[in-house]
């Protein structure tokens, strides 16, 4: 079964190690919900230097391209920053559904039989 693409966004802390760990957890949850997660924060810092303006812009452009190809935008975490607001606005302009990680997980559990333990 082909999984729909889900772009992962969050208000990242700026600590690459902490952000990568959190992003991997978000991606796993989205994968478990039946989607193929796309999360630029996991791989772009491996080869782009954000301190170089041209590479910073390239990273933004690559992320936006991945968002355009996605079926859904998943907003993770409890904080909203300007980057997350921009992702939501772009998704809105492109008619891409935006939801939260909790929303994705709620949809995943719909229709499952409840068992009493």
Protein backbone atom coordinates (compact mmCIF):
# COMPACT_ATOMS: atom_id res chain seq x y z
CA UNK A 1 0.00 0.00 0.00
CA UNK A 2 1.32 3.41 -0.93
CA UNK A 3 1.46 5.76 2.04
CA UNK A 4 0.48 9.42 1.61
CA UNK A 5 3.28 11.93 2.22
CA UNK A 6 3.09 13.87 5.48
CA UNK A 7 5.27 16.95 6.00
CA UNK A 8 6.39 17.33 9.63
CA UNK A 9 6.73 20.81 11.10
CA UNK A 10 7.39 22.00 14.64
CA UNK A 11 8.88 24.92 16.53
CA UNK A 12 12.40 23.49 16.67
CA UNK A 13 14.73 24.52 19.51
CA UNK A 14 17.84 25.15 17.40
CA UNK A 15 19.79 22.37 19.13
CA UNK A 16 20.39 20.00 16.21
CA UNK A 17 20.78 16.87 18.36
CA UNK A 18 17.65 17.53 20.43
CA UNK A 19 15.67 18.55 17.34
CA UNK A 20 16.76 15.44 15.41
CA UNK A 21 15.77 13.17 18.28
CA UNK A 22 12.36 14.85 18.63
CA UNK A 23 11.82 14.86 14.85
CA UNK A 24 12.57 11.13 14.66
CA UNK A 25 9.92 10.50 17.35
CA UNK A 26 7.39 12.60 15.44
CA UNK A 27 8.23 10.79 12.20
CA UNK A 28 7.78 7.40 13.86
CA UNK A 29 4.35 8.37 15.18
CA UNK A 30 3.30 9.65 11.74
CA UNK A 31 4.66 6.49 10.11
CA UNK A 32 2.73 4.35 12.60
CA UNK A 33 -0.39 6.31 11.63
CA UNK A 34 0.03 5.17 8.02
CA UNK A 35 1.92 8.04 6.39
CA UNK A 36 5.37 8.51 4.85
CA UNK A 37 6.88 11.33 6.92
CA UNK A 38 8.95 14.10 5.34
CA UNK A 39 11.01 16.05 7.84
CA UNK A 40 13.76 18.29 6.45
CA UNK A 41 15.21 19.03 9.91
CA UNK A 42 16.41 15.42 10.02
CA UNK A 43 18.65 15.58 6.98
CA UNK A 44 19.22 19.12 5.67
CA UNK A 45 21.63 20.06 8.49
CA UNK A 46 23.78 17.08 7.49
CA UNK A 47 24.94 18.83 4.32
CA UNK A 48 23.77 22.46 4.47
CA UNK A 49 25.39 25.16 6.60
CA UNK A 50 22.58 27.37 7.88
CA UNK A 51 25.10 30.13 8.69
CA UNK A 52 25.75 30.61 4.95
CA UNK A 53 22.88 32.75 3.58
CA UNK A 54 22.73 30.97 0.21
CA UNK A 55 22.57 27.55 1.88
CA UNK A 56 20.00 28.79 4.40
CA UNK A 57 17.79 29.91 1.49
CA UNK A 58 18.37 26.60 -0.31
CA UNK A 59 17.20 24.74 2.80
CA UNK A 60 14.03 26.82 2.94
CA UNK A 61 13.39 26.24 -0.77
CA UNK A 62 13.93 22.47 -0.47
CA UNK A 63 11.61 22.29 2.52
CA UNK A 64 8.91 24.24 0.69
CA UNK A 65 9.22 21.91 -2.30
CA UNK A 66 8.70 18.89 -0.04
CA UNK A 67 5.68 20.57 1.52
CA UNK A 68 4.18 21.20 -1.93
CA UNK A 69 4.48 17.47 -2.71
CA UNK A 70 2.85 16.39 0.55
CA UNK A 71 -0.72 15.28 1.10
CA UNK A 72 -0.90 16.59 4.66
CA UNK A 73 0.97 18.99 6.95
CA UNK A 74 1.41 17.66 10.48
CA UNK A 75 2.07 20.31 13.14
CA UNK A 76 3.89 18.68 16.05
CA UNK A 77 4.58 19.95 19.56
CA UNK A 78 2.73 22.55 21.59
CA UNK A 79 4.58 25.69 20.44
CA UNK A 80 3.93 27.66 17.25
CA UNK A 81 6.68 29.88 15.83
CA UNK A 82 6.96 31.90 12.61
CA UNK A 83 8.28 28.91 10.63
CA UNK A 84 5.29 26.81 11.65
CA UNK A 85 2.91 29.69 10.84
CA UNK A 86 4.53 29.98 7.40
CA UNK A 87 4.17 26.24 6.78
CA UNK A 88 0.49 26.41 7.74
CA UNK A 89 -0.06 29.42 5.45
CA UNK A 90 1.65 27.71 2.50
CA UNK A 91 -0.36 24.53 3.07
CA UNK A 92 -3.53 26.62 3.13
CA UNK A 93 -2.69 28.33 -0.16
CA UNK A 94 -1.98 24.93 -1.74
CA UNK A 95 -5.13 23.31 -0.31
CA UNK A 96 -3.03 20.85 1.70
CA UNK A 97 -4.76 19.64 4.84
CA UNK A 98 -3.07 20.80 8.03
CA UNK A 99 -3.53 18.86 11.23
CA UNK A 100 -1.75 18.14 14.48
CA UNK A 101 0.04 14.99 15.53
CA UNK A 102 -2.81 14.38 17.99
CA UNK A 103 -5.24 14.72 15.08
CA UNK A 104 -3.36 12.13 13.02
CA UNK A 105 -3.27 9.75 15.98
CA UNK A 106 -7.01 10.25 16.66
CA UNK A 107 -7.86 9.38 13.06
CA UNK A 108 -5.63 6.29 13.28
CA UNK A 109 -7.57 4.93 16.25
CA UNK A 110 -11.04 5.55 14.76
CA UNK A 111 -12.91 2.36 14.05
CA UNK A 112 -10.78 0.14 16.26
CA UNK A 113 -12.72 -2.12 18.56
CA UNK A 114 -12.32 -1.17 22.19
CA UNK A 115 -11.33 -3.97 24.52
CA UNK A 116 -11.90 -4.15 28.22
CA UNK A 117 -8.88 -5.31 30.20
